[in-house]
Protein backbone atom coordinates (compact mmCIF):
# COMPACT_ATOMS: atom_id res chain seq x y z
CA MET A 1 -24.15 -85.44 3.94
CA LYS A 2 -24.44 -86.38 7.61
CA PHE A 3 -21.81 -89.10 7.21
CA LEU A 4 -19.22 -86.35 6.54
CA PHE A 5 -19.64 -85.12 10.12
CA ASP A 6 -20.01 -88.56 11.67
CA LYS A 7 -17.30 -89.13 14.27
CA ASP A 8 -17.25 -92.89 13.69
CA THR A 9 -16.59 -92.35 9.96
CA TRP A 10 -13.47 -90.32 10.57
CA GLN A 11 -12.29 -92.61 13.37
CA GLU A 12 -12.45 -95.52 10.94
CA ILE A 13 -10.50 -93.59 8.29
CA TYR A 14 -7.93 -92.57 10.89
CA GLY A 15 -7.62 -96.15 12.12
CA SER A 16 -7.08 -97.44 8.60
CA ILE A 17 -4.37 -94.86 7.89
CA ARG A 18 -2.68 -95.40 11.26
CA LYS A 19 -2.66 -99.17 10.79
CA ASN A 20 -0.82 -98.85 7.46
CA LYS A 21 1.31 -95.71 7.76
CA THR A 22 4.02 -96.73 5.29
CA ARG A 23 1.56 -97.95 2.70
CA THR A 24 -0.53 -94.79 3.07
CA ALA A 25 2.56 -92.61 2.58
CA ILE A 26 3.51 -94.53 -0.55
CA THR A 27 -0.10 -94.36 -1.72
CA ILE A 28 -0.41 -90.58 -1.59
CA PHE A 29 3.06 -89.90 -2.97
CA GLY A 30 1.94 -90.24 -6.60
CA ALA A 31 -0.81 -87.61 -6.27
CA PHE A 32 1.49 -85.46 -4.10
CA TRP A 33 4.21 -85.53 -6.76
CA GLY A 34 1.71 -84.82 -9.53
CA ILE A 35 0.37 -81.63 -8.00
CA LEU A 36 3.85 -80.57 -6.85
CA LEU A 37 5.01 -80.94 -10.45
CA LEU A 38 1.96 -79.05 -11.74
CA VAL A 39 2.39 -76.13 -9.33
CA GLY A 40 6.16 -76.01 -9.79
CA LEU A 41 6.10 -76.05 -13.59
CA LEU A 42 3.22 -73.57 -13.87
CA GLY A 43 4.97 -71.25 -11.44
CA ALA A 44 8.23 -71.57 -13.38
CA ALA A 45 6.40 -70.79 -16.65
CA LYS A 46 4.87 -67.71 -15.03
CA GLY A 47 8.30 -66.67 -13.75
CA ILE A 48 9.75 -66.92 -17.27
CA GLU A 49 6.82 -64.89 -18.63
CA ASN A 50 7.24 -62.24 -15.90
CA GLY A 51 10.96 -62.01 -16.62
CA PHE A 52 10.25 -61.61 -20.32
CA ASN A 53 7.65 -58.90 -19.66
CA SER A 54 9.90 -57.03 -17.23
CA MET A 55 12.71 -57.11 -19.78
CA PHE A 56 10.65 -55.12 -22.26
CA GLY A 57 8.81 -53.10 -19.65
CA ASP A 58 6.19 -50.88 -21.28
CA PHE A 59 7.76 -51.13 -24.72
CA ALA A 60 5.28 -51.49 -27.59
CA THR A 61 5.87 -55.11 -28.52
CA ASN A 62 4.32 -54.81 -32.00
CA SER A 63 7.45 -53.02 -33.20
CA VAL A 64 10.32 -53.34 -35.63
CA PHE A 65 13.72 -51.61 -35.50
CA MET A 66 15.29 -50.60 -38.80
CA ALA A 67 18.58 -49.00 -39.82
CA GLY A 68 20.38 -48.35 -43.07
CA GLY A 69 22.97 -50.92 -44.12
CA THR A 70 25.26 -51.42 -47.10
CA THR A 71 24.03 -52.60 -50.49
CA SER A 72 25.22 -55.99 -51.68
CA LYS A 73 24.03 -55.72 -55.30
CA PRO A 74 24.43 -53.05 -58.01
CA PHE A 75 21.21 -51.45 -59.21
CA LYS A 76 20.26 -48.66 -61.62
CA GLY A 77 23.80 -47.43 -62.09
CA PHE A 78 24.75 -47.63 -58.40
CA GLN A 79 27.58 -49.95 -57.37
CA GLU A 80 27.34 -52.45 -54.56
CA GLY A 81 28.75 -51.39 -51.19
CA ARG A 82 26.77 -48.14 -51.12
CA GLN A 83 25.89 -46.91 -47.61
CA ILE A 84 22.16 -46.32 -47.16
CA ASN A 85 21.27 -43.33 -44.99
CA LEU A 86 17.72 -42.98 -43.70
CA THR A 87 16.21 -39.48 -43.89
CA ILE A 88 13.28 -37.57 -42.41
CA SER A 89 11.51 -37.74 -45.80
CA ASP A 90 11.60 -41.56 -45.49
CA VAL A 91 9.69 -41.25 -42.22
CA GLU A 92 6.97 -39.12 -43.81
CA LYS A 93 6.62 -41.58 -46.71
CA ILE A 94 6.30 -44.54 -44.35
CA ARG A 95 3.64 -42.76 -42.29
CA SER A 96 1.57 -41.90 -45.33
CA GLU A 97 2.01 -44.94 -47.58
CA VAL A 98 2.42 -48.05 -45.40
CA GLU A 99 -0.87 -49.43 -44.13
CA GLY A 100 -1.10 -50.37 -40.44
CA VAL A 101 1.71 -48.13 -39.17
CA GLU A 102 0.91 -46.39 -35.89
CA PHE A 103 4.19 -44.63 -35.02
CA VAL A 104 7.48 -44.03 -36.83
CA VAL A 105 10.13 -42.66 -34.50
CA PRO A 106 13.56 -41.75 -35.94
CA ARG A 107 16.48 -41.83 -33.50
CA ASN A 108 20.10 -40.79 -33.51
CA VAL A 109 22.78 -42.14 -31.22
CA THR A 110 26.43 -41.55 -30.41
CA GLY A 111 28.86 -42.12 -27.58
CA SER A 112 30.33 -39.24 -25.62
CA GLN A 113 32.15 -38.23 -22.46
CA VAL A 114 29.75 -36.51 -20.07
CA ILE A 115 31.00 -34.25 -17.27
CA TYR A 116 29.36 -32.86 -14.17
CA GLY A 117 31.61 -31.00 -11.75
CA LEU A 118 34.61 -33.23 -11.04
CA LYS A 119 32.84 -36.40 -12.18
CA SER A 120 32.74 -37.82 -15.70
CA ALA A 121 31.45 -40.92 -17.47
CA SER A 122 31.38 -42.40 -20.97
CA LEU A 123 27.71 -42.52 -21.87
CA THR A 124 25.38 -43.17 -24.81
CA ILE A 125 23.66 -40.05 -26.14
CA PHE A 126 20.33 -40.42 -27.94
CA GLY A 127 18.59 -37.80 -30.06
CA ASP A 128 14.88 -38.46 -29.54
CA TYR A 129 11.37 -37.24 -30.19
CA PRO A 130 8.68 -37.02 -27.49
CA MET A 131 6.87 -39.79 -29.39
CA LEU A 132 9.43 -42.28 -28.06
CA ASP A 133 7.66 -42.11 -24.72
CA LYS A 134 4.54 -43.51 -26.40
CA ILE A 135 6.22 -46.68 -27.60
CA GLN A 136 8.80 -47.06 -24.83
CA LYS A 137 7.11 -45.60 -21.77
CA LYS A 138 9.68 -44.11 -19.42
CA LYS A 139 9.24 -44.80 -15.73
CA LEU A 140 10.08 -41.32 -14.55
CA ILE A 141 11.49 -41.01 -11.06
CA GLU A 142 11.22 -37.24 -11.22
CA GLY A 143 10.88 -34.51 -13.80
CA ARG A 144 9.65 -35.08 -17.37
CA PHE A 145 10.64 -36.49 -20.73
CA ILE A 146 11.47 -34.46 -23.85
CA ASN A 147 8.48 -32.48 -25.15
CA GLN A 148 7.55 -30.85 -28.46
CA GLN A 149 8.67 -27.42 -27.32
CA ASP A 150 12.17 -28.80 -26.76
CA ILE A 151 12.12 -30.01 -30.38
CA ASN A 152 10.71 -26.78 -31.84
CA GLU A 153 13.19 -24.55 -29.99
CA ASN A 154 16.22 -26.87 -30.24
CA LYS A 155 16.59 -26.72 -26.48
CA LYS A 156 19.67 -28.00 -24.74
CA VAL A 157 17.91 -30.18 -22.20
CA CYS A 158 18.40 -33.81 -21.32
CA VAL A 159 16.76 -36.76 -19.58
CA ILE A 160 19.08 -39.18 -17.80
CA SER A 161 18.74 -42.72 -16.52
CA GLU A 162 18.92 -43.59 -12.84
CA GLU A 163 22.34 -45.17 -13.35
CA VAL A 164 23.69 -41.99 -14.97
CA TYR A 165 22.43 -40.01 -11.99
CA LYS A 166 24.37 -42.33 -9.64
CA GLN A 167 27.54 -41.91 -11.70
CA LEU A 168 27.46 -38.12 -11.96
CA PHE A 169 25.68 -36.92 -8.82
CA ASP A 170 26.16 -37.46 -5.12
CA LYS A 171 23.51 -39.34 -3.19
CA ASP A 172 20.39 -37.21 -2.56
CA GLU A 173 21.89 -34.38 -4.64
CA GLU A 174 19.30 -32.42 -6.64
CA ALA A 175 19.78 -33.12 -10.34
CA LEU A 176 16.80 -31.36 -11.91
CA GLY A 177 17.92 -27.97 -13.16
CA ALA A 178 21.60 -28.91 -12.99
CA TYR A 179 23.75 -28.66 -16.14
CA ILE A 180 25.86 -31.53 -17.41
CA LYS A 181 28.41 -31.10 -20.22
CA ILE A 182 28.28 -33.22 -23.35
CA ASN A 183 31.13 -32.37 -25.75
CA ASN A 184 31.65 -29.17 -23.74
CA ILE A 185 28.04 -28.07 -24.30
CA GLY A 186 25.83 -27.62 -21.26
CA TYR A 187 22.49 -29.46 -21.09
CA MET A 188 19.98 -28.90 -18.31
CA VAL A 189 18.66 -32.09 -16.68
CA VAL A 190 14.84 -32.07 -16.85
CA GLY A 191 14.08 -35.69 -15.96
CA ILE A 192 15.40 -38.90 -14.40
CA TYR A 193 13.92 -42.32 -15.27
CA LYS A 194 14.31 -45.97 -14.34
CA PRO A 195 15.30 -47.98 -17.45
CA SER A 196 13.82 -51.36 -18.33
CA ARG A 197 16.02 -54.41 -18.88
CA PHE A 198 15.48 -54.08 -22.61
CA GLU A 199 17.42 -50.82 -22.84
CA GLY A 200 20.86 -49.83 -21.64
CA THR A 201 21.42 -48.13 -18.31
CA ASN A 202 24.02 -45.50 -19.32
CA ASN A 203 21.71 -43.43 -21.51
CA VAL A 204 21.19 -39.70 -21.92
CA HIS A 205 18.32 -38.42 -24.10
CA ILE A 206 18.40 -35.01 -25.78
CA PRO A 207 15.96 -33.48 -28.31
CA PHE A 208 16.28 -34.94 -31.82
CA SER A 209 16.49 -31.47 -33.35
CA THR A 210 19.26 -30.43 -30.97
CA PHE A 211 21.22 -33.60 -31.78
CA ARG A 212 20.95 -32.83 -35.52
CA LEU A 213 22.39 -29.33 -35.04
CA VAL A 214 25.14 -30.23 -32.59
CA TYR A 215 26.38 -33.26 -34.52
CA ASN A 216 25.66 -31.80 -37.99
CA GLN A 217 23.38 -34.67 -39.04
CA GLY A 218 21.14 -32.72 -41.41
CA ASP A 219 18.08 -34.81 -42.37
CA LYS A 220 19.89 -38.11 -41.79
CA PHE A 221 19.46 -40.35 -38.79
CA ARG A 222 20.85 -43.71 -37.65
CA TRP A 223 17.77 -45.86 -37.12
CA MET A 224 14.04 -45.81 -36.41
CA VAL A 225 11.37 -47.66 -34.48
CA ILE A 226 8.17 -48.53 -36.33
CA THR A 227 5.12 -49.74 -34.41
CA GLY A 228 2.08 -51.31 -35.98
CA LYS A 229 -1.55 -51.10 -34.95
CA THR A 230 -2.64 -54.10 -32.93
CA GLU A 231 -4.86 -55.53 -35.67
CA TYR A 232 -2.00 -55.56 -38.23
CA ASP A 233 0.78 -58.09 -38.74
CA ILE A 234 4.11 -56.48 -37.88
CA GLU A 235 5.97 -58.84 -40.25
CA GLN A 236 3.86 -57.60 -43.16
CA ILE A 237 4.46 -54.00 -42.10
CA GLU A 238 8.22 -54.65 -42.04
CA ALA A 239 8.08 -56.16 -45.52
CA ASP A 240 6.04 -53.22 -46.87
CA VAL A 241 8.44 -50.68 -45.33
CA LYS A 242 11.43 -52.40 -46.95
CA VAL A 243 9.72 -52.44 -50.35
CA LEU A 244 9.03 -48.70 -50.03
CA LEU A 245 12.57 -47.87 -48.88
CA ARG A 246 14.12 -49.94 -51.67
CA SER A 247 12.10 -47.93 -54.16
CA LEU A 248 13.01 -44.58 -52.55
CA HIS A 249 16.75 -45.36 -52.35
CA LYS A 250 17.01 -47.28 -55.66
CA ILE A 251 18.01 -50.59 -54.14
CA HIS A 252 17.79 -54.00 -55.83
CA PRO A 253 14.57 -55.82 -54.79
CA ASP A 254 16.55 -58.89 -53.70
CA ASP A 255 19.18 -56.99 -51.72
CA SER A 256 18.84 -58.30 -48.17
CA ARG A 257 21.72 -56.33 -46.66
CA ALA A 258 20.65 -52.81 -47.55
CA PHE A 259 18.68 -52.54 -44.32
CA ASN A 260 19.44 -53.94 -40.91
CA GLY A 261 16.63 -54.61 -38.52
CA PHE A 262 15.12 -56.52 -35.68
CA ASN A 263 11.46 -57.46 -35.60
CA LEU A 264 10.52 -57.38 -31.94
CA GLY A 265 6.92 -58.43 -32.62
CA LYS A 266 8.09 -61.54 -34.49
CA GLU A 267 10.48 -62.58 -31.73
CA ILE A 268 7.89 -61.96 -29.02
CA ALA A 269 5.41 -64.11 -30.94
CA LYS A 270 7.97 -66.94 -30.86
CA VAL A 271 8.46 -66.58 -27.11
CA THR A 272 4.70 -66.33 -26.54
CA GLY A 273 4.23 -69.52 -28.54
CA PHE A 274 6.94 -71.22 -26.48
CA LEU A 275 5.29 -70.14 -23.22
CA THR A 276 1.88 -71.35 -24.42
CA GLY A 277 3.39 -74.70 -25.40
CA MET A 278 5.19 -74.93 -22.08
CA GLN A 279 1.96 -74.27 -20.16
CA PHE A 280 0.11 -76.90 -22.20
CA LEU A 281 2.89 -79.42 -21.60
CA THR A 282 2.88 -78.55 -17.89
CA TRP A 283 -0.86 -79.18 -17.62
CA PHE A 284 -0.53 -82.43 -19.60
CA VAL A 285 2.36 -83.78 -17.52
CA GLY A 286 0.85 -82.59 -14.23
CA ILE A 287 -2.60 -84.04 -14.84
CA ALA A 288 -1.15 -87.28 -16.24
CA THR A 289 0.94 -87.62 -13.09
CA LEU A 290 -2.11 -86.81 -10.96
CA ILE A 291 -4.13 -89.51 -12.71
CA ALA A 292 -1.34 -92.02 -12.19
CA GLY A 293 -1.14 -91.06 -8.50
CA VAL A 294 -4.90 -91.32 -8.02
CA PHE A 295 -4.94 -94.74 -9.71
CA ALA A 296 -2.30 -95.81 -7.20
CA ILE A 297 -4.64 -94.71 -4.42
CA GLY A 298 -7.44 -96.76 -6.02
CA ASN A 299 -5.22 -99.85 -6.20
CA ILE A 300 -4.21 -99.54 -2.58
CA LEU A 301 -7.85 -99.10 -1.55
CA LEU A 302 -8.68 -102.32 -3.41
CA ILE A 303 -6.07 -104.10 -1.33
CA THR A 304 -7.44 -102.44 1.79
CA VAL A 305 -10.97 -103.57 0.94
CA LYS A 306 -9.69 -107.13 0.46
CA GLU A 307 -8.01 -107.03 3.88
CA ARG A 308 -11.15 -105.64 5.50
CA THR A 309 -13.55 -108.12 3.92
CA LYS A 310 -14.43 -109.71 7.26
CA GLU A 311 -14.90 -106.29 8.89
CA ILE A 312 -17.20 -105.22 6.04
CA GLY A 313 -19.15 -108.45 6.41
CA ILE A 314 -19.70 -107.80 10.12
CA ARG A 315 -20.91 -104.24 9.38
CA ARG A 316 -23.28 -105.57 6.73
CA ALA A 317 -24.59 -108.19 9.15
CA LEU A 318 -25.19 -105.50 11.75
CA GLY A 319 -27.32 -103.53 9.30
CA ALA A 320 -24.94 -101.30 7.38
CA THR A 321 -26.37 -100.67 3.93
CA PRO A 322 -24.31 -100.97 0.69
CA GLY A 323 -24.66 -97.20 0.33
CA LYS A 324 -23.03 -96.62 3.71
CA ILE A 325 -20.12 -98.90 2.77
CA LYS A 326 -19.68 -97.07 -0.56
CA GLN A 327 -19.72 -93.69 1.13
CA GLN A 328 -17.03 -94.83 3.55
CA ILE A 329 -14.66 -96.08 0.83
CA ILE A 330 -15.23 -93.08 -1.47
CA LEU A 331 -14.70 -90.64 1.41
CA GLU A 332 -11.42 -92.36 2.27
CA SER A 333 -10.33 -92.09 -1.38
CA VAL A 334 -11.23 -88.38 -1.59
CA PHE A 335 -9.56 -87.69 1.77
CA LEU A 336 -6.29 -89.30 0.67
CA THR A 337 -6.26 -87.43 -2.64
CA LEU A 338 -6.97 -84.10 -0.95
CA LEU A 339 -4.30 -84.80 1.67
CA ALA A 340 -1.82 -85.54 -1.10
CA GLY A 341 -2.95 -82.43 -3.01
CA SER A 342 -2.66 -80.13 0.00
CA LEU A 343 0.84 -81.36 0.78
CA GLY A 344 1.79 -81.05 -2.90
CA ILE A 345 0.52 -77.46 -3.15
CA ILE A 346 2.35 -76.48 0.05
CA ALA A 347 5.55 -78.11 -1.18
CA GLY A 348 5.17 -76.49 -4.61
CA GLY A 349 4.68 -73.10 -2.98
CA LEU A 350 7.83 -73.57 -0.91
CA VAL A 351 9.80 -74.55 -4.03
CA LEU A 352 8.60 -71.41 -5.85
CA MET A 353 9.48 -69.26 -2.83
CA ALA A 354 12.98 -70.74 -2.84
CA ILE A 355 13.34 -70.05 -6.59
CA ASP A 356 12.16 -66.46 -6.07
CA ALA A 357 14.50 -65.95 -3.11
CA ALA A 358 17.41 -67.22 -5.20
CA ASP A 359 16.39 -64.76 -7.95
CA LEU A 360 16.42 -67.54 -10.55
CA LEU A 361 13.07 -66.41 -12.01
CA THR A 362 10.95 -63.26 -11.76
CA ASN A 363 8.11 -63.67 -9.26
CA PRO A 364 7.20 -67.31 -10.06
CA THR A 365 3.59 -67.67 -8.88
CA VAL A 366 0.46 -69.73 -9.49
CA ASP A 367 -2.95 -68.06 -9.61
CA ILE A 368 -5.57 -69.07 -7.04
CA PRO A 369 -8.06 -70.19 -9.75
CA ILE A 370 -5.45 -72.66 -10.99
CA VAL A 371 -5.04 -74.08 -7.49
CA LEU A 372 -8.81 -74.38 -7.15
CA THR A 373 -8.96 -76.10 -10.54
CA ALA A 374 -6.32 -78.58 -9.41
CA TYR A 375 -8.35 -79.26 -6.27
CA ALA A 376 -11.49 -79.78 -8.37
CA VAL A 377 -9.62 -82.26 -10.56
CA LEU A 378 -8.40 -84.08 -7.46
CA ILE A 379 -11.87 -84.32 -5.94
CA THR A 380 -13.31 -85.57 -9.22
CA LEU A 381 -10.59 -88.16 -9.75
CA GLY A 382 -10.65 -89.20 -6.10
CA THR A 383 -14.40 -89.75 -6.26
CA LEU A 384 -14.27 -91.68 -9.53
CA ILE A 385 -11.40 -93.91 -8.50
CA GLY A 386 -13.05 -94.57 -5.14
CA LEU A 387 -16.10 -96.02 -6.90
CA ILE A 388 -14.17 -99.12 -7.94
CA PRO A 389 -13.13 -100.36 -4.46
CA ALA A 390 -16.47 -99.12 -3.12
CA TYR A 391 -18.29 -101.36 -5.59
CA MET A 392 -16.01 -104.31 -4.77
CA ALA A 393 -16.77 -103.81 -1.07
CA THR A 394 -20.52 -104.13 -1.64
CA VAL A 395 -20.69 -107.07 -4.05
CA VAL A 396 -19.55 -109.56 -1.39
CA GLN A 397 -22.45 -111.07 0.49
CA PRO A 398 -22.29 -110.73 4.33
CA ILE A 399 -22.31 -114.50 4.93
CA GLU A 400 -19.42 -115.02 2.48
CA ALA A 401 -17.47 -112.13 4.02
CA LEU A 402 -17.82 -113.63 7.48
CA ARG A 403 -16.31 -116.90 6.22
CA GLU A 404 -13.09 -115.10 5.16
CA GLU A 405 -10.08 -115.91 7.28
């Protein structure tokens, strides 16, 4: 390892690079571009993944949303076009009879004018259970979410989003304990939360039981969120729930329009598959480009060895061993690849910083282990490719090298 700290070794490498600046720049460009591409694409993939995750926030991704629709086929004496209304008894049946279900959360929703003092806004009012906070964790700024006591006592309390607070209250005004009017009924604000991108911003949440009484909903509700246990397939759970509901509401087995829904778990699986494929493609393209760049370095070193045949012959004649010559050539190859890699990583980092500053992606970054892996690949490839010109430099006999003009 002494040759690594030998001043003459590095002076020779510096002299070779200085003598052929343009060729050296062209030589390292391939490896530079390869690692720039690798860092840039991996960072972009991470930015897309971060944006996707921030969109859903802490929402339970193994979920399906389901609402009653309109039948499209007659069945058991019922005509087509019948409106299907989900009920609380449906929820209990799903919980007890569908395998793999973790939570079933019925929800009601309506639009309403909300007033506080002299300010008003058209907002979306949700009737919710405390269980919603388990599948769609609220990032509370202050206060609390709806609790079971609110449900049991039909309390007129509400939880508002940060955007609703800005619309109804003055800056720094205390909202907790204040009463806002929804359809001329006062509701005390008990919590303020920051919504995720997945949900709307103009939302007000009141107890499900209170919503039922105020809007005369009875046991009916608009839609529900069903989450599955992690070890169960959410698509199978959705299918089982639909079979059960068709039986309960006397709906034709082939009626596809009786229930409307959105399988979040299924869609997330598609996106996850896309991101995995994108990362694989990024690694493939990046490493392929790196290999091509390193081969270019090897080719240039072969030319360099040919040009320095006489110099190598003189060193051999003065006592330099074949091992010393090999070490010199391999070290030059590794140095050029690492120089190209360092510049590529710096450039890739700057590109990702520019993307982040422009808010095109969400926090596009590359993990340190990935950078270290790229360096390891570079060192390995640089060493292997350097063996070829190193071997060519040692096969020429000193006397023959000295005859070269």
